[in-house]
Protein backbone atom coordinates (compact mmCIF):
# COMPACT_ATOMS: atom_id res chain seq x y z
CA UNK A 1 101.96 125.64 200.69
CA UNK A 2 101.37 126.44 197.04
CA UNK A 3 103.62 126.80 193.99
CA UNK A 4 103.53 128.62 190.62
CA UNK A 5 103.90 132.14 191.99
CA UNK A 6 100.59 132.29 193.81
CA UNK A 7 100.29 133.15 197.46
CA UNK A 8 100.42 130.37 200.03
CA UNK A 9 97.00 128.75 200.62
CA UNK A 10 96.46 127.08 203.94
CA UNK A 11 94.78 123.71 203.88
CA UNK A 12 93.49 124.06 207.42
CA UNK A 13 90.11 125.14 206.08
CA UNK A 14 89.62 121.78 204.43
CA UNK A 15 87.88 120.35 207.41
CA UNK A 16 85.21 123.03 207.38
CA UNK A 17 83.78 122.04 204.04
CA UNK A 18 80.39 120.27 204.33
CA UNK A 19 78.84 118.23 201.52
CA UNK A 20 75.18 117.25 201.46
CA UNK A 21 75.23 113.50 201.00
CA UNK A 22 72.58 110.90 201.52
CA UNK A 23 72.14 107.94 203.78
CA UNK A 24 74.94 106.04 202.02
CA UNK A 25 77.52 108.59 203.17
CA UNK A 26 76.26 108.55 206.77
CA UNK A 27 76.56 104.80 206.99
CA UNK A 28 80.02 104.74 205.39
CA UNK A 29 81.44 107.55 207.51
CA UNK A 30 80.05 105.79 210.63
CA UNK A 31 81.76 102.63 209.50
CA UNK A 32 85.06 104.40 209.02
CA UNK A 33 84.88 105.92 212.49
CA UNK A 34 84.06 102.54 213.98
CA UNK A 35 86.76 100.70 212.03
CA UNK A 36 84.28 98.26 210.39
CA UNK A 37 82.74 97.95 206.98
CA UNK A 38 78.95 98.53 206.57
CA UNK A 39 76.88 95.44 207.26
CA UNK A 40 74.89 95.75 204.04
CA UNK A 41 74.96 97.66 200.78
CA UNK A 42 72.95 100.82 200.69
CA UNK A 43 70.45 101.80 197.96
CA UNK A 44 71.89 103.66 195.00
CA UNK A 45 71.43 107.41 195.07
CA UNK A 46 70.02 109.35 192.17
CA UNK A 47 72.42 111.23 189.94
CA UNK A 48 73.91 114.19 191.81
CA UNK A 49 72.13 117.46 191.00
CA UNK A 50 75.55 119.13 190.78
CA UNK A 51 76.79 116.73 188.07
CA UNK A 52 80.41 115.92 188.85
CA UNK A 53 81.10 119.13 190.78
CA UNK A 54 81.02 117.55 194.24
CA UNK A 55 83.09 114.53 193.19
CA UNK A 56 85.78 116.63 191.55
CA UNK A 57 85.70 119.06 194.46
CA UNK A 58 86.50 116.18 196.80
CA UNK A 59 89.44 115.20 194.58
CA UNK A 60 90.73 118.80 194.76
CA UNK A 61 90.27 118.76 198.51
CA UNK A 62 92.23 115.53 198.84
CA UNK A 63 95.02 116.85 196.61
CA UNK A 64 95.37 119.87 198.89
CA UNK A 65 95.68 117.56 201.86
CA UNK A 66 98.82 116.28 200.14
CA UNK A 67 100.42 119.60 201.17
CA UNK A 68 99.99 118.51 204.78
CA UNK A 69 101.32 115.03 204.03
CA UNK A 70 104.38 116.57 202.39
CA UNK A 71 104.91 118.92 205.33
CA UNK A 72 104.72 115.96 207.73
CA UNK A 73 107.32 113.94 205.81
CA UNK A 74 109.72 116.58 204.54
CA UNK A 75 113.05 116.47 206.35
CA UNK A 76 112.31 113.08 207.90
CA UNK A 77 113.01 109.48 206.95
CA UNK A 78 109.36 108.92 205.98
CA UNK A 79 109.28 108.26 202.21
CA UNK A 80 106.67 109.57 199.81
CA UNK A 81 106.11 106.04 198.57
CA UNK A 82 104.31 104.00 201.22
CA UNK A 83 103.05 100.81 199.54
CA UNK A 84 101.73 99.29 202.79
CA UNK A 85 99.63 102.33 203.64
CA UNK A 86 98.45 102.68 200.04
CA UNK A 87 97.24 99.12 200.04
CA UNK A 88 95.26 99.75 203.24
CA UNK A 89 93.52 102.66 201.49
CA UNK A 90 92.78 100.56 198.39
CA UNK A 91 91.51 97.64 200.43
CA UNK A 92 89.24 99.96 202.39
CA UNK A 93 87.94 101.49 199.12
CA UNK A 94 87.21 98.04 197.78
CA UNK A 95 85.30 97.03 200.92
CA UNK A 96 83.24 100.20 200.95
CA UNK A 97 82.54 99.99 197.22
CA UNK A 98 81.23 96.42 197.60
CA UNK A 99 79.01 97.48 200.49
CA UNK A 100 77.63 100.38 198.45
CA UNK A 101 76.98 98.27 195.37
CA UNK A 102 79.65 99.97 193.26
CA UNK A 103 81.94 98.31 190.79
CA UNK A 104 84.93 97.36 192.97
CA UNK A 105 87.54 97.40 190.21
CA UNK A 106 86.45 100.81 188.94
CA UNK A 107 86.38 102.23 192.45
CA UNK A 108 89.83 100.93 193.30
CA UNK A 109 91.18 102.44 190.05
CA UNK A 110 89.63 105.78 191.05
CA UNK A 111 91.27 105.68 194.51
CA UNK A 112 94.59 104.60 193.00
CA UNK A 113 94.45 107.76 190.87
CA UNK A 114 93.86 109.82 194.02
CA UNK A 115 96.94 108.26 195.64
CA UNK A 116 99.18 108.83 192.64
CA UNK A 117 98.07 112.46 192.37
CA UNK A 118 98.83 113.00 196.04
CA UNK A 119 102.35 111.66 195.50
CA UNK A 120 102.76 113.94 192.52
CA UNK A 121 102.04 116.95 194.72
CA UNK A 122 104.33 115.67 197.45
CA UNK A 123 107.23 115.21 194.99
CA UNK A 124 106.69 118.69 193.56
CA UNK A 125 106.68 120.27 197.01
CA UNK A 126 109.76 118.27 198.06
CA UNK A 127 111.61 119.59 195.01
CA UNK A 128 110.46 123.16 195.71
CA UNK A 129 111.41 123.10 199.40
CA UNK A 130 114.78 121.52 198.64
CA UNK A 131 115.58 124.20 196.09
CA UNK A 132 114.12 126.97 198.26
CA UNK A 133 114.49 126.06 201.95
CA UNK A 134 112.99 129.43 202.93
CA UNK A 135 109.67 128.21 201.55
CA UNK A 136 109.69 124.97 203.51
CA UNK A 137 106.96 124.53 206.16
CA UNK A 138 107.83 125.49 209.70
CA UNK A 139 105.27 123.15 211.32
CA UNK A 140 105.02 119.40 210.93
CA UNK A 141 101.40 118.09 210.96
CA UNK A 142 100.75 114.75 212.62
CA UNK A 143 99.70 112.21 210.02
CA UNK A 144 97.73 110.00 212.44
CA UNK A 145 95.76 112.70 214.29
CA UNK A 146 95.54 115.58 211.77
CA UNK A 147 95.79 114.17 208.26
CA UNK A 148 94.25 110.67 208.19
CA UNK A 149 90.94 111.71 209.77
CA UNK A 150 90.49 114.17 206.93
CA UNK A 151 91.36 111.51 204.37
CA UNK A 152 88.98 109.00 205.99
CA UNK A 153 86.18 111.60 205.89
CA UNK A 154 86.85 112.27 202.20
CA UNK A 155 86.92 108.53 201.45
CA UNK A 156 83.38 108.15 202.80
CA UNK A 157 82.18 111.13 200.81
CA UNK A 158 83.89 109.76 197.66
CA UNK A 159 81.90 106.53 197.94
CA UNK A 160 78.64 108.45 198.32
CA UNK A 161 79.42 110.69 195.30
CA UNK A 162 80.49 107.73 193.17
CA UNK A 163 77.15 106.19 193.96
CA UNK A 164 75.25 109.41 193.25
CA UNK A 165 76.96 109.96 189.88
CA UNK A 166 77.05 106.41 188.65
CA UNK A 167 74.59 107.02 185.77
CA UNK A 168 76.57 110.09 184.66
CA UNK A 169 80.03 108.58 184.75
CA UNK A 170 81.18 106.76 181.62
CA UNK A 171 82.67 107.09 178.18
CA UNK A 172 80.16 109.72 177.00
CA UNK A 173 80.32 113.30 175.76
CA UNK A 174 77.99 114.27 178.61
CA UNK A 175 80.41 112.95 181.20
CA UNK A 176 83.42 114.65 179.66
CA UNK A 177 81.59 118.01 179.41
CA UNK A 178 80.53 117.75 183.05
CA UNK A 179 84.04 116.77 184.08
CA UNK A 180 85.65 119.75 182.40
CA UNK A 181 83.09 122.12 183.95
CA UNK A 182 83.64 120.55 187.37
CA UNK A 183 87.43 120.82 187.06
CA UNK A 184 87.16 124.53 186.20
CA UNK A 185 84.83 125.07 189.11
CA UNK A 186 87.30 123.37 191.49
CA UNK A 187 90.21 125.35 190.04
CA UNK A 188 88.38 128.62 190.76
CA UNK A 189 87.16 127.56 194.19
CA UNK A 190 90.52 126.36 195.50
CA UNK A 191 92.76 128.68 193.43
CA UNK A 192 94.86 125.75 192.22
CA UNK A 193 98.37 126.39 190.90
CA UNK A 194 99.91 124.40 188.05
CA UNK A 195 101.16 121.61 190.28
CA UNK A 196 97.81 121.05 191.87
CA UNK A 197 95.92 121.48 188.58
CA UNK A 198 98.04 118.77 187.03
CA UNK A 199 97.46 116.52 190.01
CA UNK A 200 93.71 117.14 189.87
CA UNK A 201 93.51 116.14 186.19
CA UNK A 202 95.34 112.94 187.05
CA UNK A 203 93.00 112.25 189.93
CA UNK A 204 89.79 112.68 187.87
CA UNK A 205 90.99 111.00 184.69
CA UNK A 206 89.25 107.66 185.54
CA UNK A 207 85.87 109.33 186.04
CA UNK A 208 84.82 109.21 182.40
CA UNK A 209 86.99 106.31 181.21
CA UNK A 210 85.89 103.43 183.51
């Protein structure tokens, strides 16, 4: 479901996107699937050849998953705010960051931004669907079986990209230029409307400030 006058964009295609990540990602994704943190930190990857494109693309992808989360919750007693679930995500990010040799505080701040941006989209869609019931989703995705596996996969890829772009990320002109270019690329690729563009900028704000 999309806003801002553009045609509805299904998020079902999210699962088909494949990113080329290194050994770090394979270990982390395996850990997520097995419910355990990696046994040891993996070597740092070299700076991503695509700059921040892959990292920002993952943020856009996660933001679009918020459409599914909103569709699952709308019209139910499930609140947008879910502190317990959010803490699980942040704790998982901290564990994976430590295993990958990343700064834990910075990584948690990055994931907190992803969560807040997701909630921004959910609130926007709730407002839209309340004002225009005819636009409300007709199907209710299952959070446990449909949505969270996608989010878990993105989490593992986030950790790999944060490792790969560590030398690029920071308070530098180079980082900001790369971030703007990556955001524009994601906007074009995913045809983001104003709500999702705003959410994306919130999600990627920590990239060049930590």
